[in-house]
Amino acid sequence: MTAARATILLVDDDPDDAELTKVAFRKAGFANPIVVCEGEDAMHYLAGDGQYADREKFPLPQLVLLDRAMPGMTGWEILAWLRRCPELKSLPVIILSGSAFSGDQEKAKALGANAYEVKPQEFEQFVKLAAEIGDFWLRGA
C-alpha cells in the first residue's frame, strides 16, 4: 500500500471539521481518510468489532487523527483505551485540535499521543500541516 493510499482514521464529531480535514489531506496528496464521528464507533472500528470485522472493507489504519473534545466519549478516553490494547499500542495517534492550551498538549503526551497538532485557521496552512503529518507518519514509516 502506498503512503497516499494508507488508511487514516479520523475521529471527529463535527462533520464540517471532518470534511475540511479530508479536503486538506486530499489536497496534500493523501487518499480520503475514513471518518468515524462517534468515539465508541472508533473503538469498534479499531478493534474490528461488529460491522467493522471485515478488514478488507475496514482496514486497520496506519494513522489515527483524534479530536480531543467530543460529546459522549472524549478523545482522551479513546486514546487511553487505545494505549491499553496490546495490538494497537504502537499505532500512531495525533491529537488534532482547535485548542493550543498547553495543559491539553501535556495531557496528550501523558496519555501516549505521538503528537498534538493545533488546527490552523487558514486553509492553506491546514493543507501544509496535512502534508507534514502525512510525510512524517505515512511516507516516513
N, C-alpha and C. Protein backbone atom coordinates (compact mmCIF):
# COMPACT_ATOMS: atom_id res chain seq x y z
N MET A 1 0.85 -1.18 0.00
CA MET A 1 0.00 0.00 0.00
C MET A 1 0.89 1.24 0.00
N THR A 2 0.65 2.17 -0.92
CA THR A 2 1.43 3.39 -0.95
C THR A 2 0.98 4.33 0.14
N ALA A 3 1.85 5.27 0.50
CA ALA A 3 1.52 6.23 1.56
C ALA A 3 0.29 7.04 1.21
N ALA A 4 0.12 7.36 -0.07
CA ALA A 4 -1.03 8.16 -0.49
C ALA A 4 -2.33 7.37 -0.37
N ARG A 5 -2.26 6.06 -0.22
CA ARG A 5 -3.45 5.22 -0.09
C ARG A 5 -3.60 4.67 1.32
N ALA A 6 -2.69 5.00 2.21
CA ALA A 6 -2.74 4.48 3.57
C ALA A 6 -4.03 4.91 4.25
N THR A 7 -4.54 4.03 5.05
CA THR A 7 -5.78 4.32 5.76
C THR A 7 -5.49 5.26 6.93
N ILE A 8 -6.25 6.34 6.99
CA ILE A 8 -6.18 7.29 8.10
C ILE A 8 -7.55 7.27 8.76
N LEU A 9 -7.58 6.99 10.04
CA LEU A 9 -8.84 7.02 10.76
C LEU A 9 -8.98 8.40 11.41
N LEU A 10 -9.99 9.12 11.00
CA LEU A 10 -10.27 10.45 11.53
C LEU A 10 -11.44 10.35 12.49
N VAL A 11 -11.21 10.72 13.74
CA VAL A 11 -12.25 10.65 14.76
C VAL A 11 -12.60 12.09 15.15
N ASP A 12 -13.74 12.56 14.67
CA ASP A 12 -14.15 13.94 14.89
C ASP A 12 -15.66 14.00 14.86
N ASP A 13 -16.26 14.64 15.84
CA ASP A 13 -17.72 14.69 15.92
C ASP A 13 -18.33 15.80 15.07
N ASP A 14 -17.52 16.72 14.57
CA ASP A 14 -18.01 17.84 13.78
C ASP A 14 -17.89 17.51 12.29
N PRO A 15 -19.02 17.33 11.58
CA PRO A 15 -18.96 16.96 10.17
C PRO A 15 -18.24 18.00 9.31
N ASP A 16 -18.35 19.28 9.67
CA ASP A 16 -17.65 20.32 8.90
C ASP A 16 -16.14 20.21 9.09
N ASP A 17 -15.69 20.02 10.33
CA ASP A 17 -14.26 19.84 10.59
C ASP A 17 -13.74 18.58 9.91
N ALA A 18 -14.53 17.52 9.95
CA ALA A 18 -14.12 16.26 9.32
C ALA A 18 -13.97 16.45 7.81
N GLU A 19 -14.91 17.13 7.19
CA GLU A 19 -14.83 17.37 5.74
C GLU A 19 -13.63 18.25 5.41
N LEU A 20 -13.39 19.27 6.20
CA LEU A 20 -12.25 20.15 5.98
C LEU A 20 -10.94 19.37 6.08
N THR A 21 -10.86 18.47 7.05
CA THR A 21 -9.67 17.65 7.21
C THR A 21 -9.48 16.72 6.01
N LYS A 22 -10.57 16.10 5.56
CA LYS A 22 -10.50 15.23 4.38
C LYS A 22 -10.00 16.00 3.16
N VAL A 23 -10.53 17.19 2.96
CA VAL A 23 -10.13 18.01 1.80
C VAL A 23 -8.66 18.42 1.92
N ALA A 24 -8.23 18.79 3.12
CA ALA A 24 -6.83 19.19 3.32
C ALA A 24 -5.89 18.04 3.01
N PHE A 25 -6.22 16.83 3.48
CA PHE A 25 -5.37 15.68 3.19
C PHE A 25 -5.38 15.33 1.71
N ARG A 26 -6.56 15.40 1.10
CA ARG A 26 -6.65 15.15 -0.34
C ARG A 26 -5.78 16.13 -1.11
N LYS A 27 -5.88 17.40 -0.76
CA LYS A 27 -5.10 18.44 -1.45
C LYS A 27 -3.60 18.25 -1.20
N ALA A 28 -3.26 17.66 -0.06
CA ALA A 28 -1.86 17.39 0.27
C ALA A 28 -1.35 16.11 -0.40
N GLY A 29 -2.23 15.40 -1.12
CA GLY A 29 -1.81 14.21 -1.86
C GLY A 29 -2.09 12.89 -1.17
N PHE A 30 -2.95 12.89 -0.17
CA PHE A 30 -3.28 11.66 0.55
C PHE A 30 -4.73 11.26 0.28
N ALA A 31 -4.97 9.95 0.23
CA ALA A 31 -6.31 9.42 -0.05
C ALA A 31 -7.30 9.83 1.04
N ASN A 32 -8.55 9.70 0.74
CA ASN A 32 -9.61 10.10 1.67
C ASN A 32 -9.47 9.38 3.00
N PRO A 33 -9.43 10.13 4.09
CA PRO A 33 -9.46 9.49 5.40
C PRO A 33 -10.82 8.85 5.65
N ILE A 34 -10.84 7.89 6.53
CA ILE A 34 -12.10 7.31 6.98
C ILE A 34 -12.58 8.17 8.14
N VAL A 35 -13.81 8.54 8.14
CA VAL A 35 -14.34 9.37 9.21
C VAL A 35 -15.26 8.53 10.09
N VAL A 36 -14.98 8.48 11.37
CA VAL A 36 -15.85 7.85 12.35
C VAL A 36 -16.22 8.95 13.33
N CYS A 37 -17.48 9.35 13.35
CA CYS A 37 -17.88 10.54 14.10
C CYS A 37 -17.98 10.34 15.59
N GLU A 38 -18.33 9.15 16.04
CA GLU A 38 -18.51 8.92 17.46
C GLU A 38 -17.37 8.08 18.02
N GLY A 39 -16.96 8.43 19.21
CA GLY A 39 -15.84 7.75 19.84
C GLY A 39 -16.02 6.26 19.96
N GLU A 40 -17.21 5.85 20.35
CA GLU A 40 -17.46 4.42 20.51
C GLU A 40 -17.34 3.69 19.17
N ASP A 41 -17.81 4.32 18.08
CA ASP A 41 -17.65 3.73 16.75
C ASP A 41 -16.17 3.57 16.40
N ALA A 42 -15.35 4.56 16.77
CA ALA A 42 -13.91 4.49 16.50
C ALA A 42 -13.30 3.29 17.22
N MET A 43 -13.72 3.06 18.45
CA MET A 43 -13.20 1.92 19.19
C MET A 43 -13.61 0.61 18.54
N HIS A 44 -14.85 0.52 18.08
CA HIS A 44 -15.30 -0.69 17.39
C HIS A 44 -14.52 -0.88 16.08
N TYR A 45 -14.30 0.21 15.36
CA TYR A 45 -13.52 0.13 14.12
C TYR A 45 -12.12 -0.39 14.43
N LEU A 46 -11.44 0.23 15.39
CA LEU A 46 -10.07 -0.16 15.70
C LEU A 46 -9.97 -1.60 16.20
N ALA A 47 -10.98 -2.04 16.94
CA ALA A 47 -10.98 -3.42 17.46
C ALA A 47 -11.44 -4.43 16.42
N GLY A 48 -12.03 -3.94 15.32
CA GLY A 48 -12.56 -4.85 14.31
C GLY A 48 -13.81 -5.55 14.78
N ASP A 49 -14.62 -4.87 15.58
CA ASP A 49 -15.84 -5.44 16.13
C ASP A 49 -17.05 -5.18 15.23
N GLY A 50 -18.03 -6.09 15.32
CA GLY A 50 -19.32 -5.91 14.67
C GLY A 50 -19.22 -5.62 13.20
N GLN A 51 -19.82 -4.53 12.77
CA GLN A 51 -19.85 -4.18 11.34
C GLN A 51 -18.47 -3.90 10.78
N TYR A 52 -17.47 -3.69 11.66
CA TYR A 52 -16.11 -3.39 11.21
C TYR A 52 -15.20 -4.62 11.19
N ALA A 53 -15.75 -5.80 11.32
CA ALA A 53 -14.96 -7.03 11.40
C ALA A 53 -14.25 -7.36 10.09
N ASP A 54 -14.78 -6.93 8.97
CA ASP A 54 -14.18 -7.22 7.66
C ASP A 54 -13.02 -6.26 7.41
N ARG A 55 -11.79 -6.73 7.63
CA ARG A 55 -10.61 -5.88 7.48
C ARG A 55 -10.30 -5.55 6.02
N GLU A 56 -10.86 -6.28 5.10
CA GLU A 56 -10.73 -5.90 3.69
C GLU A 56 -11.50 -4.61 3.44
N LYS A 57 -12.67 -4.53 4.01
CA LYS A 57 -13.53 -3.36 3.84
C LYS A 57 -13.16 -2.24 4.81
N PHE A 58 -12.72 -2.61 6.01
CA PHE A 58 -12.37 -1.65 7.06
C PHE A 58 -10.96 -1.95 7.56
N PRO A 59 -9.95 -1.61 6.76
CA PRO A 59 -8.57 -1.97 7.14
C PRO A 59 -8.11 -1.22 8.38
N LEU A 60 -7.21 -1.86 9.11
CA LEU A 60 -6.61 -1.21 10.26
C LEU A 60 -5.85 0.02 9.76
N PRO A 61 -6.07 1.16 10.38
CA PRO A 61 -5.40 2.37 9.89
C PRO A 61 -3.91 2.38 10.20
N GLN A 62 -3.18 3.17 9.42
CA GLN A 62 -1.76 3.38 9.70
C GLN A 62 -1.56 4.62 10.58
N LEU A 63 -2.65 5.41 10.72
CA LEU A 63 -2.58 6.65 11.47
C LEU A 63 -3.97 6.99 11.98
N VAL A 64 -4.05 7.49 13.22
CA VAL A 64 -5.32 7.96 13.80
C VAL A 64 -5.19 9.45 14.09
N LEU A 65 -6.14 10.22 13.57
CA LEU A 65 -6.27 11.64 13.88
C LEU A 65 -7.45 11.76 14.82
N LEU A 66 -7.22 12.28 15.99
CA LEU A 66 -8.22 12.21 17.05
C LEU A 66 -8.52 13.59 17.61
N ASP A 67 -9.79 13.97 17.58
CA ASP A 67 -10.24 15.20 18.22
C ASP A 67 -10.32 14.93 19.70
N ARG A 68 -9.85 15.85 20.53
CA ARG A 68 -9.83 15.63 21.98
C ARG A 68 -11.20 15.87 22.62
N ALA A 69 -11.96 16.82 22.09
CA ALA A 69 -13.22 17.23 22.74
C ALA A 69 -14.40 16.79 21.89
N MET A 70 -15.04 15.73 22.34
CA MET A 70 -16.23 15.23 21.65
C MET A 70 -17.28 14.91 22.69
N PRO A 71 -18.55 15.05 22.34
CA PRO A 71 -19.59 14.67 23.31
C PRO A 71 -19.60 13.15 23.50
N GLY A 72 -20.07 12.72 24.64
CA GLY A 72 -20.07 11.28 24.92
C GLY A 72 -18.66 10.85 25.28
N MET A 73 -18.07 10.01 24.47
CA MET A 73 -16.72 9.53 24.71
C MET A 73 -15.71 10.54 24.16
N THR A 74 -14.83 11.02 25.01
CA THR A 74 -13.86 12.03 24.58
C THR A 74 -12.67 11.38 23.88
N GLY A 75 -11.92 12.20 23.20
CA GLY A 75 -10.69 11.74 22.58
C GLY A 75 -9.69 11.21 23.59
N TRP A 76 -9.70 11.83 24.79
CA TRP A 76 -8.81 11.35 25.85
C TRP A 76 -9.14 9.92 26.22
N GLU A 77 -10.43 9.60 26.33
CA GLU A 77 -10.84 8.24 26.69
C GLU A 77 -10.46 7.24 25.61
N ILE A 78 -10.64 7.64 24.36
CA ILE A 78 -10.27 6.76 23.25
C ILE A 78 -8.77 6.51 23.25
N LEU A 79 -7.99 7.57 23.44
CA LEU A 79 -6.54 7.44 23.46
C LEU A 79 -6.09 6.52 24.61
N ALA A 80 -6.64 6.71 25.79
CA ALA A 80 -6.28 5.86 26.93
C ALA A 80 -6.62 4.40 26.64
N TRP A 81 -7.80 4.14 26.06
CA TRP A 81 -8.21 2.78 25.70
C TRP A 81 -7.25 2.19 24.68
N LEU A 82 -6.93 2.98 23.66
CA LEU A 82 -6.07 2.51 22.59
C LEU A 82 -4.69 2.10 23.12
N ARG A 83 -4.16 2.88 24.04
CA ARG A 83 -2.83 2.58 24.59
C ARG A 83 -2.85 1.38 25.53
N ARG A 84 -4.02 0.96 25.97
CA ARG A 84 -4.13 -0.26 26.80
C ARG A 84 -4.26 -1.52 25.94
N CYS A 85 -4.55 -1.37 24.65
CA CYS A 85 -4.74 -2.52 23.76
C CYS A 85 -3.39 -2.94 23.18
N PRO A 86 -2.89 -4.11 23.56
CA PRO A 86 -1.56 -4.53 23.10
C PRO A 86 -1.40 -4.49 21.57
N GLU A 87 -2.42 -4.90 20.83
CA GLU A 87 -2.30 -4.95 19.37
C GLU A 87 -2.40 -3.58 18.72
N LEU A 88 -2.80 -2.57 19.46
CA LEU A 88 -2.95 -1.21 18.91
C LEU A 88 -2.01 -0.21 19.56
N LYS A 89 -1.28 -0.66 20.53
CA LYS A 89 -0.45 0.24 21.35
C LYS A 89 0.54 1.06 20.53
N SER A 90 1.07 0.50 19.46
CA SER A 90 2.08 1.22 18.68
C SER A 90 1.48 2.02 17.51
N LEU A 91 0.17 2.00 17.36
CA LEU A 91 -0.49 2.76 16.30
C LEU A 91 -0.29 4.25 16.53
N PRO A 92 0.25 4.98 15.54
CA PRO A 92 0.45 6.42 15.72
C PRO A 92 -0.88 7.16 15.87
N VAL A 93 -0.95 7.99 16.92
CA VAL A 93 -2.15 8.78 17.19
C VAL A 93 -1.73 10.24 17.33
N ILE A 94 -2.38 11.08 16.55
CA ILE A 94 -2.15 12.51 16.63
C ILE A 94 -3.44 13.16 17.09
N ILE A 95 -3.33 13.93 18.16
CA ILE A 95 -4.46 14.75 18.59
C ILE A 95 -4.48 15.95 17.66
N LEU A 96 -5.61 16.15 16.98
CA LEU A 96 -5.78 17.25 16.04
C LEU A 96 -6.89 18.12 16.62
N SER A 97 -6.51 19.27 17.16
CA SER A 97 -7.45 20.05 17.96
C SER A 97 -7.41 21.53 17.61
N GLY A 98 -8.46 22.21 17.96
CA GLY A 98 -8.51 23.65 17.81
C GLY A 98 -7.89 24.36 19.00
N SER A 99 -7.54 23.63 20.05
CA SER A 99 -7.02 24.21 21.29
C SER A 99 -5.50 24.20 21.32
N ALA A 100 -4.93 25.36 21.63
CA ALA A 100 -3.48 25.46 21.80
C ALA A 100 -3.10 25.44 23.28
N PHE A 101 -4.04 25.12 24.15
CA PHE A 101 -3.82 25.10 25.60
C PHE A 101 -2.70 24.11 25.94
N SER A 102 -1.68 24.59 26.63
CA SER A 102 -0.53 23.74 26.94
C SER A 102 -0.92 22.55 27.83
N GLY A 103 -1.94 22.73 28.67
CA GLY A 103 -2.39 21.61 29.50
C GLY A 103 -2.91 20.45 28.67
N ASP A 104 -3.58 20.76 27.56
CA ASP A 104 -4.06 19.71 26.65
C ASP A 104 -2.89 19.00 26.00
N GLN A 105 -1.88 19.75 25.62
CA GLN A 105 -0.71 19.15 25.00
C GLN A 105 0.02 18.23 25.97
N GLU A 106 0.11 18.65 27.22
CA GLU A 106 0.75 17.81 28.24
C GLU A 106 -0.07 16.55 28.51
N LYS A 107 -1.39 16.71 28.55
CA LYS A 107 -2.26 15.55 28.79
C LYS A 107 -2.14 14.55 27.64
N ALA A 108 -2.09 15.04 26.41
CA ALA A 108 -1.94 14.17 25.24
C ALA A 108 -0.65 13.36 25.34
N LYS A 109 0.42 14.02 25.70
CA LYS A 109 1.70 13.34 25.84
C LYS A 109 1.64 12.29 26.95
N ALA A 110 1.04 12.66 28.10
CA ALA A 110 0.94 11.74 29.23
C ALA A 110 0.11 10.50 28.89
N LEU A 111 -0.89 10.67 28.04
CA LEU A 111 -1.75 9.54 27.67
C LEU A 111 -1.18 8.71 26.52
N GLY A 112 -0.09 9.17 25.92
CA GLY A 112 0.57 8.37 24.89
C GLY A 112 0.34 8.80 23.46
N ALA A 113 -0.15 10.03 23.24
CA ALA A 113 -0.28 10.50 21.86
C ALA A 113 1.11 10.70 21.28
N ASN A 114 1.24 10.44 20.00
CA ASN A 114 2.52 10.64 19.32
C ASN A 114 2.78 12.11 19.04
N ALA A 115 1.71 12.88 18.89
CA ALA A 115 1.86 14.31 18.61
C ALA A 115 0.55 15.01 18.94
N TYR A 116 0.65 16.32 19.11
CA TYR A 116 -0.51 17.17 19.34
C TYR A 116 -0.39 18.32 18.36
N GLU A 117 -1.33 18.44 17.46
CA GLU A 117 -1.29 19.49 16.44
C GLU A 117 -2.53 20.37 16.57
N VAL A 118 -2.31 21.67 16.50
CA VAL A 118 -3.40 22.63 16.54
C VAL A 118 -3.85 22.90 15.11
N LYS A 119 -5.15 22.78 14.87
CA LYS A 119 -5.69 23.03 13.53
C LYS A 119 -5.50 24.51 13.18
N PRO A 120 -4.81 24.80 12.09
CA PRO A 120 -4.63 26.19 11.68
C PRO A 120 -5.95 26.82 11.23
N GLN A 121 -6.05 28.12 11.40
CA GLN A 121 -7.25 28.85 10.97
C GLN A 121 -7.30 29.01 9.45
N GLU A 122 -6.15 29.18 8.82
CA GLU A 122 -6.08 29.35 7.36
C GLU A 122 -6.02 27.99 6.68
N PHE A 123 -6.85 27.80 5.63
CA PHE A 123 -6.93 26.50 4.97
C PHE A 123 -5.58 26.09 4.37
N GLU A 124 -4.88 26.99 3.73
CA GLU A 124 -3.59 26.63 3.11
C GLU A 124 -2.59 26.15 4.15
N GLN A 125 -2.65 26.72 5.35
CA GLN A 125 -1.80 26.26 6.44
C GLN A 125 -2.21 24.86 6.91
N PHE A 126 -3.52 24.60 6.84
CA PHE A 126 -4.03 23.27 7.20
C PHE A 126 -3.55 22.23 6.18
N VAL A 127 -3.54 22.60 4.91
CA VAL A 127 -3.03 21.69 3.87
C VAL A 127 -1.55 21.42 4.11
N LYS A 128 -0.81 22.46 4.48
CA LYS A 128 0.62 22.29 4.78
C LYS A 128 0.80 21.35 5.97
N LEU A 129 -0.01 21.52 7.02
CA LEU A 129 0.06 20.64 8.18
C LEU A 129 -0.28 19.20 7.78
N ALA A 130 -1.31 19.03 6.96
CA ALA A 130 -1.70 17.68 6.49
C ALA A 130 -0.54 17.03 5.73
N ALA A 131 0.14 17.82 4.90
CA ALA A 131 1.28 17.28 4.15
C ALA A 131 2.40 16.88 5.10
N GLU A 132 2.67 17.70 6.11
CA GLU A 132 3.72 17.38 7.08
C GLU A 132 3.38 16.12 7.86
N ILE A 133 2.13 16.02 8.30
CA ILE A 133 1.69 14.83 9.03
C ILE A 133 1.83 13.60 8.14
N GLY A 134 1.29 13.69 6.94
CA GLY A 134 1.37 12.54 6.03
C GLY A 134 2.78 12.14 5.67
N ASP A 135 3.62 13.14 5.38
CA ASP A 135 5.01 12.83 5.02
C ASP A 135 5.75 12.17 6.17
N PHE A 136 5.55 12.66 7.39
CA PHE A 136 6.28 12.12 8.53
C PHE A 136 5.72 10.76 8.97
N TRP A 137 4.40 10.67 9.13
CA TRP A 137 3.80 9.48 9.74
C TRP A 137 3.46 8.39 8.75
N LEU A 138 3.32 8.72 7.47
CA LEU A 138 2.96 7.70 6.48
C LEU A 138 4.10 7.40 5.52
N ARG A 139 4.66 8.41 4.91
CA ARG A 139 5.76 8.17 3.97
C ARG A 139 7.05 7.84 4.69
N GLY A 140 7.24 8.41 5.87
CA GLY A 140 8.46 8.17 6.63
C GLY A 140 8.46 6.85 7.36
N ALA A 141 7.26 6.24 7.46
CA ALA A 141 7.14 5.00 8.24
C ALA A 141 7.72 3.82 7.50
